[in-house]
């Protein structure tokens, strides 16, 4: 895996590579938009597509068909990547705003977000991301 700068195109590719071993989980699907405010390069918008438990797309920009949108301040987004925090922690503590189909993200992705593969993925991101 190649080291990549946080929120860069290379980092989006790093996410895809780090998630490449996720097993299929039928029905565990969601398209999500992310916005990180206060980043050194300003506001950064990107999206992720999870289909049947696999991360199949991650790139800059928002998608019109996203089921959910999440907004983080830069320092709160870093806590997930650097500290390996579970995504629920930011939501439960108010460090991430979630809009849209709340149940799809919070409950529909539970099998993925609580999996050993997702834990490994978060560890790899922390190891290979430059800030």
N, C-alpha and C. Protein backbone atom coordinates (compact mmCIF):
# COMPACT_ATOMS: atom_id res chain seq x y z
N UNK A 1 0.84 -1.18 0.00
CA UNK A 1 0.00 0.00 0.00
C UNK A 1 0.88 1.24 0.00
N UNK A 2 0.44 2.22 -0.72
CA UNK A 2 1.20 3.46 -0.83
C UNK A 2 0.62 4.50 0.14
N UNK A 3 1.50 5.20 0.84
CA UNK A 3 1.06 6.26 1.74
C UNK A 3 0.40 7.36 0.93
N UNK A 4 -0.63 7.97 1.51
CA UNK A 4 -1.36 9.02 0.80
C UNK A 4 -1.76 10.12 1.77
N UNK A 5 -1.82 11.33 1.24
CA UNK A 5 -2.24 12.50 2.03
C UNK A 5 -3.75 12.44 2.26
N UNK A 6 -4.13 12.68 3.49
CA UNK A 6 -5.54 12.66 3.88
C UNK A 6 -6.38 13.54 2.96
N UNK A 7 -7.49 13.00 2.52
CA UNK A 7 -8.51 13.65 1.69
C UNK A 7 -8.06 13.92 0.25
N UNK A 8 -6.95 13.34 -0.17
CA UNK A 8 -6.49 13.48 -1.56
C UNK A 8 -7.09 12.36 -2.41
N UNK A 9 -6.94 12.48 -3.72
CA UNK A 9 -7.38 11.41 -4.61
C UNK A 9 -6.66 10.10 -4.28
N UNK A 10 -5.38 10.20 -3.93
CA UNK A 10 -4.63 9.02 -3.54
C UNK A 10 -5.21 8.37 -2.29
N UNK A 11 -5.69 9.19 -1.38
CA UNK A 11 -6.30 8.66 -0.15
C UNK A 11 -7.60 7.93 -0.45
N UNK A 12 -8.37 8.44 -1.41
CA UNK A 12 -9.60 7.74 -1.80
C UNK A 12 -9.23 6.36 -2.37
N UNK A 13 -8.17 6.29 -3.17
CA UNK A 13 -7.71 5.00 -3.70
C UNK A 13 -7.19 4.10 -2.58
N UNK A 14 -6.52 4.69 -1.59
CA UNK A 14 -6.04 3.93 -0.43
C UNK A 14 -7.21 3.26 0.29
N UNK A 15 -8.31 3.97 0.44
CA UNK A 15 -9.50 3.40 1.08
C UNK A 15 -9.97 2.18 0.32
N UNK A 16 -10.03 2.29 -1.01
CA UNK A 16 -10.47 1.16 -1.83
C UNK A 16 -9.53 -0.04 -1.68
N UNK A 17 -8.24 0.24 -1.64
CA UNK A 17 -7.27 -0.84 -1.49
C UNK A 17 -7.38 -1.48 -0.11
N UNK A 18 -7.49 -0.65 0.92
CA UNK A 18 -7.58 -1.17 2.29
C UNK A 18 -8.84 -1.98 2.51
N UNK A 19 -9.90 -1.70 1.75
CA UNK A 19 -11.17 -2.41 1.89
C UNK A 19 -11.32 -3.56 0.90
N UNK A 20 -10.31 -3.80 0.10
CA UNK A 20 -10.44 -4.78 -0.99
C UNK A 20 -10.73 -6.20 -0.52
N UNK A 21 -10.42 -6.54 0.70
CA UNK A 21 -10.65 -7.89 1.21
C UNK A 21 -11.97 -8.10 1.92
N UNK A 22 -12.82 -7.07 1.93
CA UNK A 22 -14.10 -7.23 2.62
C UNK A 22 -14.92 -8.30 1.94
N UNK A 23 -15.50 -9.22 2.72
CA UNK A 23 -16.34 -10.25 2.10
C UNK A 23 -17.71 -9.68 1.70
N UNK A 24 -18.35 -10.38 0.81
CA UNK A 24 -19.69 -9.97 0.40
C UNK A 24 -20.66 -10.15 1.56
N UNK A 25 -21.51 -9.14 1.75
CA UNK A 25 -22.57 -9.17 2.76
C UNK A 25 -23.84 -8.69 2.06
N UNK A 26 -24.60 -9.60 1.47
CA UNK A 26 -25.78 -9.19 0.71
C UNK A 26 -26.70 -8.26 1.50
N UNK A 27 -27.11 -7.18 0.83
CA UNK A 27 -28.03 -6.22 1.42
C UNK A 27 -27.38 -5.15 2.27
N UNK A 28 -26.11 -5.28 2.57
CA UNK A 28 -25.41 -4.26 3.36
C UNK A 28 -24.88 -3.24 2.36
N UNK A 29 -25.72 -2.25 2.06
CA UNK A 29 -25.41 -1.29 1.00
C UNK A 29 -25.81 0.12 1.39
N UNK A 30 -25.03 1.08 0.93
CA UNK A 30 -25.34 2.48 1.20
C UNK A 30 -24.44 3.37 0.35
N UNK A 31 -25.00 4.44 -0.18
CA UNK A 31 -24.22 5.47 -0.84
C UNK A 31 -24.24 6.68 0.09
N UNK A 32 -23.04 7.19 0.42
CA UNK A 32 -22.94 8.26 1.41
C UNK A 32 -22.08 9.40 0.90
N UNK A 33 -22.49 10.61 1.21
CA UNK A 33 -21.69 11.80 0.96
C UNK A 33 -21.04 12.22 2.27
N UNK A 34 -19.81 12.72 2.16
CA UNK A 34 -19.07 13.22 3.31
C UNK A 34 -18.62 14.65 3.02
N UNK A 35 -18.61 15.46 4.05
CA UNK A 35 -18.09 16.81 3.94
C UNK A 35 -17.21 17.05 5.16
N UNK A 36 -15.99 17.49 4.91
CA UNK A 36 -15.06 17.80 6.00
C UNK A 36 -14.79 19.30 5.91
N UNK A 37 -15.16 20.02 6.96
CA UNK A 37 -14.96 21.47 6.98
C UNK A 37 -13.68 21.80 7.76
N UNK A 38 -13.06 22.90 7.40
CA UNK A 38 -11.88 23.36 8.13
C UNK A 38 -10.61 22.61 7.81
N UNK A 39 -10.60 21.83 6.73
CA UNK A 39 -9.37 21.13 6.31
C UNK A 39 -8.36 22.16 5.80
N UNK A 40 -7.09 21.84 5.80
CA UNK A 40 -6.09 22.79 5.29
C UNK A 40 -6.39 23.29 3.87
N UNK A 41 -7.02 22.45 3.06
CA UNK A 41 -7.37 22.85 1.70
C UNK A 41 -8.79 23.41 1.61
N UNK A 42 -9.41 23.67 2.75
CA UNK A 42 -10.77 24.19 2.79
C UNK A 42 -11.78 23.07 2.98
N UNK A 43 -12.99 23.29 2.51
CA UNK A 43 -14.03 22.28 2.62
C UNK A 43 -13.79 21.19 1.58
N UNK A 44 -13.83 19.94 2.02
CA UNK A 44 -13.61 18.80 1.12
C UNK A 44 -14.87 17.95 1.12
N UNK A 45 -15.33 17.64 -0.09
CA UNK A 45 -16.51 16.79 -0.25
C UNK A 45 -16.11 15.54 -1.00
N UNK A 46 -16.60 14.41 -0.51
CA UNK A 46 -16.35 13.15 -1.21
C UNK A 46 -17.50 12.19 -0.94
N UNK A 47 -17.48 11.07 -1.60
CA UNK A 47 -18.55 10.09 -1.44
C UNK A 47 -17.97 8.68 -1.40
N UNK A 48 -18.78 7.77 -0.87
CA UNK A 48 -18.43 6.35 -0.84
C UNK A 48 -19.67 5.54 -1.19
N UNK A 49 -19.44 4.46 -1.92
CA UNK A 49 -20.53 3.55 -2.28
C UNK A 49 -20.18 2.17 -1.74
N UNK A 50 -21.03 1.68 -0.86
CA UNK A 50 -20.88 0.34 -0.30
C UNK A 50 -22.02 -0.49 -0.88
N UNK A 51 -21.65 -1.56 -1.56
CA UNK A 51 -22.65 -2.43 -2.18
C UNK A 51 -22.40 -3.86 -1.72
N UNK A 52 -23.42 -4.44 -1.09
CA UNK A 52 -23.33 -5.81 -0.57
C UNK A 52 -22.09 -6.02 0.29
N UNK A 53 -21.83 -5.03 1.14
CA UNK A 53 -20.75 -5.13 2.11
C UNK A 53 -19.37 -4.80 1.59
N UNK A 54 -19.27 -4.37 0.34
CA UNK A 54 -17.97 -4.04 -0.25
C UNK A 54 -17.91 -2.56 -0.64
N UNK A 55 -16.78 -1.94 -0.38
CA UNK A 55 -16.55 -0.57 -0.80
C UNK A 55 -16.20 -0.61 -2.28
N UNK A 56 -17.11 -0.16 -3.13
CA UNK A 56 -16.92 -0.26 -4.57
C UNK A 56 -16.54 1.06 -5.23
N UNK A 57 -16.75 2.17 -4.52
CA UNK A 57 -16.40 3.47 -5.08
C UNK A 57 -16.13 4.45 -3.95
N UNK A 58 -15.08 5.25 -4.13
CA UNK A 58 -14.79 6.35 -3.21
C UNK A 58 -14.03 7.38 -4.02
N UNK A 59 -14.55 8.61 -4.04
CA UNK A 59 -13.94 9.65 -4.86
C UNK A 59 -14.41 11.02 -4.38
N UNK A 60 -13.73 12.04 -4.87
CA UNK A 60 -14.11 13.40 -4.55
C UNK A 60 -15.46 13.75 -5.13
N UNK A 61 -16.13 14.71 -4.50
CA UNK A 61 -17.43 15.17 -4.97
C UNK A 61 -18.58 14.42 -4.33
N UNK A 62 -19.74 15.04 -4.42
CA UNK A 62 -20.95 14.44 -3.87
C UNK A 62 -21.75 13.75 -4.95
N UNK A 63 -22.52 12.74 -4.56
CA UNK A 63 -23.43 12.04 -5.47
C UNK A 63 -24.85 12.44 -5.14
N UNK A 64 -25.64 12.71 -6.17
CA UNK A 64 -27.04 13.10 -5.99
C UNK A 64 -27.88 11.97 -5.43
N UNK A 65 -27.49 10.72 -5.64
CA UNK A 65 -28.28 9.58 -5.19
C UNK A 65 -27.88 9.07 -3.81
N UNK A 66 -27.09 9.82 -3.08
CA UNK A 66 -26.65 9.38 -1.75
C UNK A 66 -27.83 9.27 -0.79
N UNK A 67 -27.84 8.21 0.00
CA UNK A 67 -28.89 8.00 0.99
C UNK A 67 -28.64 8.84 2.24
N UNK A 68 -27.36 9.06 2.56
CA UNK A 68 -27.01 9.82 3.75
C UNK A 68 -25.88 10.80 3.44
N UNK A 69 -25.80 11.83 4.26
CA UNK A 69 -24.70 12.80 4.20
C UNK A 69 -24.17 13.00 5.60
N UNK A 70 -22.84 13.04 5.70
CA UNK A 70 -22.20 13.25 6.99
C UNK A 70 -21.30 14.48 6.91
N UNK A 71 -21.33 15.29 7.92
CA UNK A 71 -20.51 16.49 7.99
C UNK A 71 -19.65 16.41 9.24
N UNK A 72 -18.34 16.59 9.04
CA UNK A 72 -17.37 16.58 10.13
C UNK A 72 -16.57 17.87 10.11
N UNK A 73 -16.12 18.32 11.25
CA UNK A 73 -15.04 19.29 11.31
C UNK A 73 -13.75 18.50 11.10
N UNK A 74 -12.75 19.12 10.54
CA UNK A 74 -11.50 18.45 10.21
C UNK A 74 -10.93 17.68 11.41
N UNK A 75 -10.84 18.33 12.55
CA UNK A 75 -10.23 17.67 13.71
C UNK A 75 -11.04 16.46 14.18
N UNK A 76 -12.36 16.49 13.98
CA UNK A 76 -13.18 15.34 14.36
C UNK A 76 -13.04 14.20 13.36
N UNK A 77 -12.90 14.53 12.10
CA UNK A 77 -12.67 13.50 11.07
C UNK A 77 -11.32 12.82 11.31
N UNK A 78 -10.33 13.60 11.73
CA UNK A 78 -9.01 13.03 12.02
C UNK A 78 -9.07 11.97 13.12
N UNK A 79 -9.93 12.20 14.11
CA UNK A 79 -10.04 11.25 15.22
C UNK A 79 -10.44 9.86 14.73
N UNK A 80 -11.25 9.81 13.69
CA UNK A 80 -11.64 8.51 13.13
C UNK A 80 -10.46 7.86 12.43
N UNK A 81 -9.69 8.64 11.68
CA UNK A 81 -8.60 8.07 10.90
C UNK A 81 -7.37 7.81 11.77
N UNK A 82 -6.91 8.81 12.48
CA UNK A 82 -5.69 8.68 13.29
C UNK A 82 -5.92 7.76 14.48
N UNK A 83 -7.01 7.99 15.18
CA UNK A 83 -7.27 7.22 16.39
C UNK A 83 -7.97 5.90 16.16
N UNK A 84 -8.42 5.67 14.93
CA UNK A 84 -9.14 4.44 14.65
C UNK A 84 -10.49 4.38 15.34
N UNK A 85 -11.06 5.54 15.66
CA UNK A 85 -12.36 5.56 16.33
C UNK A 85 -13.43 4.91 15.46
N UNK A 86 -14.34 4.21 16.09
CA UNK A 86 -15.49 3.63 15.39
C UNK A 86 -16.35 4.79 14.89
N UNK A 87 -16.91 4.69 13.67
CA UNK A 87 -17.73 5.78 13.13
C UNK A 87 -18.89 6.19 14.03
N UNK A 88 -19.43 5.25 14.80
CA UNK A 88 -20.54 5.59 15.70
C UNK A 88 -20.14 6.58 16.77
N UNK A 89 -18.88 6.56 17.18
CA UNK A 89 -18.43 7.43 18.26
C UNK A 89 -18.62 8.90 17.90
N UNK A 90 -18.24 9.28 16.69
CA UNK A 90 -18.39 10.67 16.26
C UNK A 90 -19.87 11.07 16.24
N UNK A 91 -20.71 10.17 15.78
CA UNK A 91 -22.14 10.46 15.73
C UNK A 91 -22.72 10.60 17.14
N UNK A 92 -22.42 9.64 18.00
CA UNK A 92 -23.00 9.63 19.35
C UNK A 92 -22.52 10.80 20.20
N UNK A 93 -21.33 11.33 19.91
CA UNK A 93 -20.80 12.44 20.70
C UNK A 93 -21.07 13.79 20.04
N UNK A 94 -21.78 13.79 18.91
CA UNK A 94 -22.12 15.04 18.25
C UNK A 94 -21.02 15.64 17.40
N UNK A 95 -19.94 14.88 17.16
CA UNK A 95 -18.84 15.39 16.35
C UNK A 95 -19.07 15.18 14.85
N UNK A 96 -20.12 14.44 14.52
CA UNK A 96 -20.49 14.23 13.13
C UNK A 96 -22.00 14.43 13.01
N UNK A 97 -22.40 15.20 11.99
CA UNK A 97 -23.82 15.39 11.73
C UNK A 97 -24.22 14.41 10.64
N UNK A 98 -25.31 13.71 10.86
CA UNK A 98 -25.80 12.73 9.91
C UNK A 98 -27.16 13.18 9.41
N UNK A 99 -27.29 13.29 8.10
CA UNK A 99 -28.56 13.72 7.50
C UNK A 99 -28.99 12.68 6.48
N UNK A 100 -30.30 12.54 6.32
CA UNK A 100 -30.82 11.61 5.33
C UNK A 100 -31.35 10.34 5.98
N UNK A 101 -31.10 9.21 5.33
CA UNK A 101 -31.62 7.92 5.77
C UNK A 101 -30.79 7.38 6.94
N UNK A 102 -31.02 7.97 8.09
CA UNK A 102 -30.30 7.62 9.32
C UNK A 102 -30.29 6.11 9.58
N UNK A 103 -31.42 5.41 9.51
CA UNK A 103 -31.39 3.96 9.80
C UNK A 103 -30.50 3.16 8.85
N UNK A 104 -30.41 3.58 7.60
CA UNK A 104 -29.58 2.83 6.65
C UNK A 104 -28.12 2.86 7.10
N UNK A 105 -27.63 4.01 7.55
CA UNK A 105 -26.23 4.11 7.97
C UNK A 105 -26.03 3.47 9.35
N UNK A 106 -26.85 3.85 10.30
CA UNK A 106 -26.64 3.42 11.68
C UNK A 106 -26.95 1.93 11.88
N UNK A 107 -27.99 1.44 11.25
CA UNK A 107 -28.38 0.05 11.46
C UNK A 107 -28.08 -0.84 10.24
N UNK A 108 -28.27 -0.31 9.05
CA UNK A 108 -28.09 -1.11 7.84
C UNK A 108 -26.66 -1.54 7.58
N UNK A 109 -25.69 -0.77 8.08
CA UNK A 109 -24.28 -1.12 7.87
C UNK A 109 -23.64 -1.77 9.10
N UNK A 110 -24.46 -2.08 10.09
CA UNK A 110 -23.94 -2.62 11.35
C UNK A 110 -23.05 -3.85 11.15
N UNK A 111 -23.47 -4.78 10.27
CA UNK A 111 -22.69 -6.00 10.04
C UNK A 111 -21.30 -5.68 9.51
N UNK A 112 -21.17 -4.62 8.74
CA UNK A 112 -19.86 -4.21 8.22
C UNK A 112 -19.08 -3.40 9.26
N UNK A 113 -19.69 -2.39 9.82
CA UNK A 113 -18.98 -1.48 10.72
C UNK A 113 -18.49 -2.16 12.00
N UNK A 114 -19.11 -3.27 12.38
CA UNK A 114 -18.68 -4.00 13.57
C UNK A 114 -17.85 -5.24 13.24
N UNK A 115 -17.43 -5.37 12.00
CA UNK A 115 -16.71 -6.57 11.57
C UNK A 115 -15.20 -6.45 11.82
N UNK A 116 -14.52 -7.60 11.93
CA UNK A 116 -13.05 -7.57 12.05
C UNK A 116 -12.40 -6.95 10.81
N UNK A 117 -13.02 -7.13 9.65
CA UNK A 117 -12.47 -6.55 8.41
C UNK A 117 -12.48 -5.03 8.46
N UNK A 118 -13.53 -4.47 9.04
CA UNK A 118 -13.59 -3.01 9.14
C UNK A 118 -12.58 -2.48 10.14
N UNK A 119 -12.36 -3.23 11.19
CA UNK A 119 -11.33 -2.85 12.17
C UNK A 119 -9.95 -2.85 11.52
N UNK A 120 -9.65 -3.86 10.72
CA UNK A 120 -8.38 -3.92 9.99
C UNK A 120 -8.27 -2.76 9.02
N UNK A 121 -9.33 -2.46 8.33
CA UNK A 121 -9.39 -1.33 7.39
C UNK A 121 -9.05 -0.02 8.11
N UNK A 122 -9.66 0.21 9.25
CA UNK A 122 -9.39 1.45 10.00
C UNK A 122 -7.92 1.51 10.44
N UNK A 123 -7.36 0.38 10.83
CA UNK A 123 -5.95 0.33 11.22
C UNK A 123 -5.04 0.64 10.04
N UNK A 124 -5.35 0.09 8.89
CA UNK A 124 -4.55 0.37 7.69
C UNK A 124 -4.60 1.84 7.30
N UNK A 125 -5.78 2.45 7.38
CA UNK A 125 -5.88 3.87 7.07
C UNK A 125 -5.02 4.70 8.01
N UNK A 126 -5.06 4.39 9.29
CA UNK A 126 -4.24 5.12 10.27
C UNK A 126 -2.76 4.97 9.95
N UNK A 127 -2.36 3.79 9.53
CA UNK A 127 -0.95 3.52 9.25
C UNK A 127 -0.44 4.18 7.98
N UNK A 128 -1.29 4.26 6.94
CA UNK A 128 -0.82 4.69 5.62
C UNK A 128 -1.29 6.10 5.22
N UNK A 129 -1.90 6.83 6.13
CA UNK A 129 -2.37 8.18 5.82
C UNK A 129 -1.40 9.22 6.37
N UNK A 130 -1.03 10.17 5.51
CA UNK A 130 -0.20 11.30 5.92
C UNK A 130 -1.10 12.51 6.13
N UNK A 131 -0.79 13.29 7.17
CA UNK A 131 -1.60 14.47 7.49
C UNK A 131 -0.80 15.74 7.38
